[in-house]
Amino acid sequence: QAEYLDPALQGFRLQGSEYVEKPMVSGRLPSDVLGLHFEASGEDLRLFDPATGRWLLTPQEVREQAADTATELDRTTARLNQTAAKLDQLTAERDQAIADRQRLEAEMAELRRRIGPSLS
């Protein structure tokens, strides 16, 4: 396009029976319908959202972001699984300590019962 169009990015709007050229805004071509701006970026056409001041992601950027998100989700899931396993281990240790304490209390009560009359 850039070889025969000057400028390379142009836009027109039908008004009545004629096409009228749309003016560029900050080097971008605004779309009244989309509320976005088009901008040539090398061989690509990028979309810019003037309301947020940010570029819309390209399909490749969306794929990369999704892959990054999936990787982070995998890491978070692994940490959650490790934490759950540690919690299970600590719960089992606590339960064992409670059982040991109850057993020792029962043994002490039995010893007191046996020794009690002989000390009098």
N, C-alpha and C. Protein backbone atom coordinates (compact mmCIF):
# COMPACT_ATOMS: atom_id res chain seq x y z
N GLN A 1 0.81 -1.18 0.00
CA GLN A 1 0.00 0.00 0.00
C GLN A 1 0.86 1.25 0.00
N ALA A 2 1.90 1.28 0.82
CA ALA A 2 2.71 2.47 0.97
C ALA A 2 3.39 2.85 -0.33
N GLU A 3 3.54 1.88 -1.26
CA GLU A 3 4.20 2.18 -2.51
C GLU A 3 3.38 3.10 -3.40
N TYR A 4 2.07 3.04 -3.31
CA TYR A 4 1.26 3.84 -4.21
C TYR A 4 0.26 4.75 -3.50
N LEU A 5 0.15 4.67 -2.20
CA LEU A 5 -0.74 5.57 -1.46
C LEU A 5 0.09 6.56 -0.65
N ASP A 6 -0.31 7.80 -0.70
CA ASP A 6 0.36 8.82 0.10
C ASP A 6 -0.69 9.72 0.72
N PRO A 7 -0.96 9.63 2.01
CA PRO A 7 -0.32 8.74 2.98
C PRO A 7 -0.78 7.30 2.82
N ALA A 8 -0.01 6.38 3.41
CA ALA A 8 -0.31 4.95 3.25
C ALA A 8 -1.65 4.57 3.85
N LEU A 9 -2.05 5.24 4.94
CA LEU A 9 -3.33 4.95 5.59
C LEU A 9 -4.29 6.09 5.29
N GLN A 10 -5.40 5.73 4.66
CA GLN A 10 -6.41 6.73 4.32
C GLN A 10 -7.79 6.17 4.65
N GLY A 11 -8.70 7.06 4.96
CA GLY A 11 -10.06 6.64 5.25
C GLY A 11 -11.05 7.60 4.64
N PHE A 12 -12.18 7.05 4.25
CA PHE A 12 -13.23 7.85 3.63
C PHE A 12 -14.56 7.49 4.26
N ARG A 13 -15.46 8.45 4.26
CA ARG A 13 -16.80 8.25 4.80
C ARG A 13 -17.79 8.71 3.74
N LEU A 14 -18.82 7.91 3.55
CA LEU A 14 -19.86 8.25 2.58
C LEU A 14 -20.78 9.29 3.17
N GLN A 15 -20.84 10.43 2.51
CA GLN A 15 -21.76 11.49 2.90
C GLN A 15 -22.64 11.79 1.68
N GLY A 16 -23.89 11.42 1.83
CA GLY A 16 -24.79 11.56 0.68
C GLY A 16 -24.38 10.57 -0.39
N SER A 17 -24.00 11.07 -1.52
CA SER A 17 -23.60 10.20 -2.62
C SER A 17 -22.10 10.30 -2.90
N GLU A 18 -21.36 10.97 -2.01
CA GLU A 18 -19.92 11.15 -2.24
C GLU A 18 -19.11 10.65 -1.04
N TYR A 19 -17.92 10.19 -1.35
CA TYR A 19 -16.98 9.80 -0.30
C TYR A 19 -16.11 11.00 0.05
N VAL A 20 -16.05 11.26 1.35
CA VAL A 20 -15.27 12.39 1.84
C VAL A 20 -14.12 11.83 2.69
N GLU A 21 -12.91 12.35 2.44
CA GLU A 21 -11.74 11.86 3.17
C GLU A 21 -11.84 12.21 4.65
N LYS A 22 -11.48 11.24 5.51
CA LYS A 22 -11.48 11.48 6.96
C LYS A 22 -10.12 12.03 7.36
N PRO A 23 -10.11 13.02 8.22
CA PRO A 23 -8.82 13.57 8.66
C PRO A 23 -8.14 12.65 9.66
N MET A 24 -6.80 12.66 9.64
CA MET A 24 -6.00 11.90 10.60
C MET A 24 -5.98 12.66 11.93
N VAL A 25 -5.85 11.91 13.02
CA VAL A 25 -5.74 12.50 14.35
C VAL A 25 -4.48 11.90 14.99
N SER A 26 -3.48 12.72 15.23
CA SER A 26 -2.21 12.27 15.82
C SER A 26 -1.62 11.10 15.05
N GLY A 27 -1.68 11.17 13.73
CA GLY A 27 -1.11 10.11 12.90
C GLY A 27 -1.96 8.86 12.84
N ARG A 28 -3.18 8.95 13.34
CA ARG A 28 -4.09 7.80 13.35
C ARG A 28 -5.38 8.17 12.64
N LEU A 29 -6.04 7.14 12.15
CA LEU A 29 -7.30 7.32 11.45
C LEU A 29 -8.44 6.90 12.38
N PRO A 30 -9.24 7.85 12.86
CA PRO A 30 -10.31 7.48 13.80
C PRO A 30 -11.49 6.81 13.10
N SER A 31 -12.10 5.88 13.81
CA SER A 31 -13.32 5.23 13.34
C SER A 31 -14.46 5.68 14.24
N ASP A 32 -15.42 6.38 13.66
CA ASP A 32 -16.58 6.83 14.42
C ASP A 32 -17.43 5.65 14.87
N VAL A 33 -17.46 4.60 14.06
CA VAL A 33 -18.29 3.43 14.36
C VAL A 33 -17.70 2.63 15.52
N LEU A 34 -16.39 2.37 15.47
CA LEU A 34 -15.74 1.55 16.49
C LEU A 34 -15.32 2.34 17.73
N GLY A 35 -15.12 3.63 17.56
CA GLY A 35 -14.58 4.43 18.66
C GLY A 35 -13.10 4.15 18.87
N LEU A 36 -12.46 3.58 17.89
CA LEU A 36 -11.04 3.25 17.94
C LEU A 36 -10.32 4.02 16.84
N HIS A 37 -8.98 4.02 16.93
CA HIS A 37 -8.17 4.64 15.89
C HIS A 37 -7.32 3.57 15.22
N PHE A 38 -7.20 3.66 13.90
CA PHE A 38 -6.34 2.77 13.14
C PHE A 38 -4.99 3.45 12.96
N GLU A 39 -3.91 2.66 13.02
CA GLU A 39 -2.59 3.20 12.75
C GLU A 39 -1.76 2.15 12.03
N ALA A 40 -1.07 2.59 10.99
CA ALA A 40 -0.18 1.68 10.27
C ALA A 40 1.05 1.45 11.13
N SER A 41 1.42 0.18 11.26
CA SER A 41 2.61 -0.20 12.03
C SER A 41 3.39 -1.18 11.17
N GLY A 42 4.26 -0.64 10.36
CA GLY A 42 4.98 -1.49 9.40
C GLY A 42 3.97 -2.02 8.40
N GLU A 43 3.91 -3.32 8.28
CA GLU A 43 2.96 -3.95 7.36
C GLU A 43 1.61 -4.22 8.02
N ASP A 44 1.54 -3.97 9.30
CA ASP A 44 0.34 -4.28 10.07
C ASP A 44 -0.53 -3.04 10.28
N LEU A 45 -1.77 -3.29 10.60
CA LEU A 45 -2.71 -2.24 10.98
C LEU A 45 -3.05 -2.47 12.45
N ARG A 46 -2.71 -1.50 13.29
CA ARG A 46 -2.96 -1.62 14.72
C ARG A 46 -4.17 -0.79 15.10
N LEU A 47 -4.83 -1.21 16.20
CA LEU A 47 -5.98 -0.49 16.73
C LEU A 47 -5.60 0.14 18.06
N PHE A 48 -5.94 1.41 18.20
CA PHE A 48 -5.64 2.18 19.39
C PHE A 48 -6.95 2.65 20.00
N ASP A 49 -7.08 2.51 21.32
CA ASP A 49 -8.28 2.96 22.01
C ASP A 49 -7.98 4.32 22.66
N PRO A 50 -8.49 5.40 22.10
CA PRO A 50 -8.19 6.72 22.67
C PRO A 50 -8.81 6.92 24.06
N ALA A 51 -9.84 6.16 24.38
CA ALA A 51 -10.48 6.30 25.70
C ALA A 51 -9.56 5.81 26.81
N THR A 52 -8.79 4.76 26.52
CA THR A 52 -7.88 4.21 27.53
C THR A 52 -6.44 4.62 27.30
N GLY A 53 -6.16 5.11 26.08
CA GLY A 53 -4.79 5.47 25.74
C GLY A 53 -3.91 4.25 25.53
N ARG A 54 -4.52 3.11 25.17
CA ARG A 54 -3.78 1.87 25.02
C ARG A 54 -4.06 1.22 23.67
N TRP A 55 -3.06 0.47 23.22
CA TRP A 55 -3.23 -0.31 22.00
C TRP A 55 -4.04 -1.56 22.31
N LEU A 56 -4.87 -1.99 21.38
CA LEU A 56 -5.53 -3.28 21.51
C LEU A 56 -4.48 -4.33 21.17
N LEU A 57 -4.55 -5.45 21.84
CA LEU A 57 -3.57 -6.50 21.61
C LEU A 57 -3.76 -7.14 20.24
N THR A 58 -2.65 -7.49 19.62
CA THR A 58 -2.71 -8.24 18.37
C THR A 58 -3.03 -9.69 18.72
N PRO A 59 -3.47 -10.48 17.75
CA PRO A 59 -3.71 -11.90 18.04
C PRO A 59 -2.49 -12.59 18.64
N GLN A 60 -1.30 -12.28 18.13
CA GLN A 60 -0.07 -12.88 18.67
C GLN A 60 0.14 -12.46 20.13
N GLU A 61 -0.10 -11.19 20.43
CA GLU A 61 0.05 -10.71 21.80
C GLU A 61 -0.97 -11.37 22.72
N VAL A 62 -2.18 -11.60 22.23
CA VAL A 62 -3.21 -12.29 23.02
C VAL A 62 -2.75 -13.72 23.33
N ARG A 63 -2.20 -14.40 22.31
CA ARG A 63 -1.71 -15.77 22.52
C ARG A 63 -0.57 -15.80 23.54
N GLU A 64 0.35 -14.85 23.41
CA GLU A 64 1.48 -14.80 24.35
C GLU A 64 1.00 -14.50 25.77
N GLN A 65 0.06 -13.58 25.89
CA GLN A 65 -0.47 -13.24 27.21
C GLN A 65 -1.20 -14.44 27.81
N ALA A 66 -1.95 -15.16 26.97
CA ALA A 66 -2.66 -16.35 27.45
C ALA A 66 -1.67 -17.42 27.90
N ALA A 67 -0.58 -17.59 27.15
CA ALA A 67 0.44 -18.57 27.53
C ALA A 67 1.10 -18.17 28.85
N ASP A 68 1.40 -16.89 29.00
CA ASP A 68 1.99 -16.41 30.25
C ASP A 68 1.03 -16.62 31.42
N THR A 69 -0.24 -16.35 31.19
CA THR A 69 -1.25 -16.53 32.23
C THR A 69 -1.38 -18.00 32.60
N ALA A 70 -1.35 -18.87 31.60
CA ALA A 70 -1.45 -20.31 31.86
C ALA A 70 -0.24 -20.79 32.65
N THR A 71 0.94 -20.29 32.32
CA THR A 71 2.15 -20.66 33.05
C THR A 71 2.07 -20.21 34.49
N GLU A 72 1.63 -18.99 34.70
CA GLU A 72 1.50 -18.46 36.07
C GLU A 72 0.42 -19.25 36.84
N LEU A 73 -0.65 -19.62 36.16
CA LEU A 73 -1.69 -20.42 36.79
C LEU A 73 -1.13 -21.78 37.21
N ASP A 74 -0.31 -22.39 36.35
CA ASP A 74 0.31 -23.67 36.68
C ASP A 74 1.20 -23.54 37.91
N ARG A 75 2.00 -22.44 37.96
CA ARG A 75 2.87 -22.21 39.12
C ARG A 75 2.04 -22.03 40.40
N THR A 76 0.98 -21.24 40.28
CA THR A 76 0.13 -20.98 41.44
C THR A 76 -0.55 -22.27 41.91
N THR A 77 -1.00 -23.08 40.97
CA THR A 77 -1.63 -24.35 41.31
C THR A 77 -0.64 -25.27 42.01
N ALA A 78 0.59 -25.30 41.53
CA ALA A 78 1.62 -26.13 42.16
C ALA A 78 1.88 -25.66 43.59
N ARG A 79 1.97 -24.33 43.78
CA ARG A 79 2.18 -23.80 45.14
C ARG A 79 0.99 -24.13 46.04
N LEU A 80 -0.22 -24.03 45.49
CA LEU A 80 -1.42 -24.35 46.26
C LEU A 80 -1.42 -25.83 46.65
N ASN A 81 -1.03 -26.70 45.73
CA ASN A 81 -0.97 -28.13 46.04
C ASN A 81 0.06 -28.43 47.11
N GLN A 82 1.23 -27.72 47.05
CA GLN A 82 2.25 -27.91 48.07
C GLN A 82 1.74 -27.44 49.44
N THR A 83 1.04 -26.32 49.43
CA THR A 83 0.48 -25.79 50.68
C THR A 83 -0.57 -26.74 51.25
N ALA A 84 -1.40 -27.29 50.38
CA ALA A 84 -2.43 -28.23 50.83
C ALA A 84 -1.79 -29.49 51.40
N ALA A 85 -0.72 -29.97 50.76
CA ALA A 85 -0.03 -31.16 51.27
C ALA A 85 0.59 -30.87 52.63
N LYS A 86 1.20 -29.70 52.79
CA LYS A 86 1.79 -29.31 54.08
C LYS A 86 0.70 -29.21 55.16
N LEU A 87 -0.45 -28.64 54.77
CA LEU A 87 -1.57 -28.54 55.72
C LEU A 87 -2.04 -29.92 56.13
N ASP A 88 -2.14 -30.84 55.18
CA ASP A 88 -2.53 -32.21 55.51
C ASP A 88 -1.54 -32.84 56.48
N GLN A 89 -0.23 -32.62 56.23
CA GLN A 89 0.81 -33.17 57.09
C GLN A 89 0.70 -32.58 58.50
N LEU A 90 0.53 -31.27 58.60
CA LEU A 90 0.42 -30.62 59.91
C LEU A 90 -0.84 -31.06 60.64
N THR A 91 -1.92 -31.25 59.91
CA THR A 91 -3.17 -31.72 60.52
C THR A 91 -2.99 -33.13 61.08
N ALA A 92 -2.31 -33.99 60.33
CA ALA A 92 -2.06 -35.35 60.80
C ALA A 92 -1.17 -35.33 62.04
N GLU A 93 -0.14 -34.47 62.04
CA GLU A 93 0.73 -34.36 63.21
C GLU A 93 -0.04 -33.84 64.42
N ARG A 94 -0.92 -32.86 64.20
CA ARG A 94 -1.73 -32.34 65.30
C ARG A 94 -2.64 -33.43 65.86
N ASP A 95 -3.29 -34.16 64.95
CA ASP A 95 -4.19 -35.24 65.39
C ASP A 95 -3.42 -36.30 66.19
N GLN A 96 -2.19 -36.61 65.75
CA GLN A 96 -1.37 -37.58 66.46
C GLN A 96 -0.99 -37.06 67.84
N ALA A 97 -0.66 -35.77 67.92
CA ALA A 97 -0.30 -35.16 69.20
C ALA A 97 -1.50 -35.19 70.16
N ILE A 98 -2.68 -34.91 69.64
CA ILE A 98 -3.90 -34.96 70.47
C ILE A 98 -4.13 -36.38 70.98
N ALA A 99 -3.96 -37.36 70.10
CA ALA A 99 -4.15 -38.76 70.50
C ALA A 99 -3.11 -39.17 71.55
N ASP A 100 -1.85 -38.73 71.34
CA ASP A 100 -0.80 -39.04 72.31
C ASP A 100 -1.12 -38.42 73.66
N ARG A 101 -1.56 -37.19 73.66
CA ARG A 101 -1.90 -36.49 74.91
C ARG A 101 -3.04 -37.22 75.64
N GLN A 102 -4.07 -37.60 74.87
CA GLN A 102 -5.20 -38.31 75.49
C GLN A 102 -4.76 -39.64 76.07
N ARG A 103 -3.86 -40.34 75.35
CA ARG A 103 -3.35 -41.62 75.85
C ARG A 103 -2.55 -41.42 77.14
N LEU A 104 -1.68 -40.40 77.14
CA LEU A 104 -0.88 -40.12 78.34
C LEU A 104 -1.75 -39.69 79.52
N GLU A 105 -2.76 -38.89 79.26
CA GLU A 105 -3.67 -38.48 80.34
C GLU A 105 -4.39 -39.69 80.92
N ALA A 106 -4.78 -40.62 80.05
CA ALA A 106 -5.44 -41.83 80.53
C ALA A 106 -4.48 -42.68 81.36
N GLU A 107 -3.22 -42.79 80.90
CA GLU A 107 -2.22 -43.55 81.66
C GLU A 107 -1.97 -42.90 83.02
N MET A 108 -1.88 -41.55 83.06
CA MET A 108 -1.67 -40.85 84.32
C MET A 108 -2.86 -41.06 85.25
N ALA A 109 -4.04 -41.01 84.71
CA ALA A 109 -5.23 -41.23 85.55
C ALA A 109 -5.22 -42.64 86.12
N GLU A 110 -4.82 -43.59 85.31
CA GLU A 110 -4.75 -44.98 85.78
C GLU A 110 -3.68 -45.13 86.87
N LEU A 111 -2.51 -44.50 86.67
CA LEU A 111 -1.45 -44.55 87.68
C LEU A 111 -1.90 -43.89 88.98
N ARG A 112 -2.57 -42.76 88.88
CA ARG A 112 -3.08 -42.09 90.09
C ARG A 112 -4.08 -42.99 90.83
N ARG A 113 -4.91 -43.65 90.05
CA ARG A 113 -5.90 -44.55 90.66
C ARG A 113 -5.21 -45.68 91.40
N ARG A 114 -4.15 -46.24 90.80
CA ARG A 114 -3.45 -47.36 91.43
C ARG A 114 -2.61 -46.90 92.63
N ILE A 115 -1.94 -45.78 92.47
CA ILE A 115 -1.05 -45.31 93.54
C ILE A 115 -1.83 -44.63 94.65
N GLY A 116 -2.91 -44.02 94.33
CA GLY A 116 -3.67 -43.27 95.30
C GLY A 116 -3.92 -43.98 96.62
N PRO A 117 -4.50 -45.18 96.65
CA PRO A 117 -4.80 -45.84 97.92
C PRO A 117 -3.53 -46.26 98.68
N SER A 118 -2.46 -46.54 97.99
CA SER A 118 -1.26 -47.01 98.69
C SER A 118 -0.49 -45.88 99.35
N LEU A 119 -0.70 -44.64 98.93
CA LEU A 119 -0.03 -43.49 99.55
C LEU A 119 -0.70 -43.07 100.85
N SER A 120 -1.91 -43.47 101.08
CA SER A 120 -2.66 -43.03 102.26
C SER A 120 -2.21 -43.69 103.51
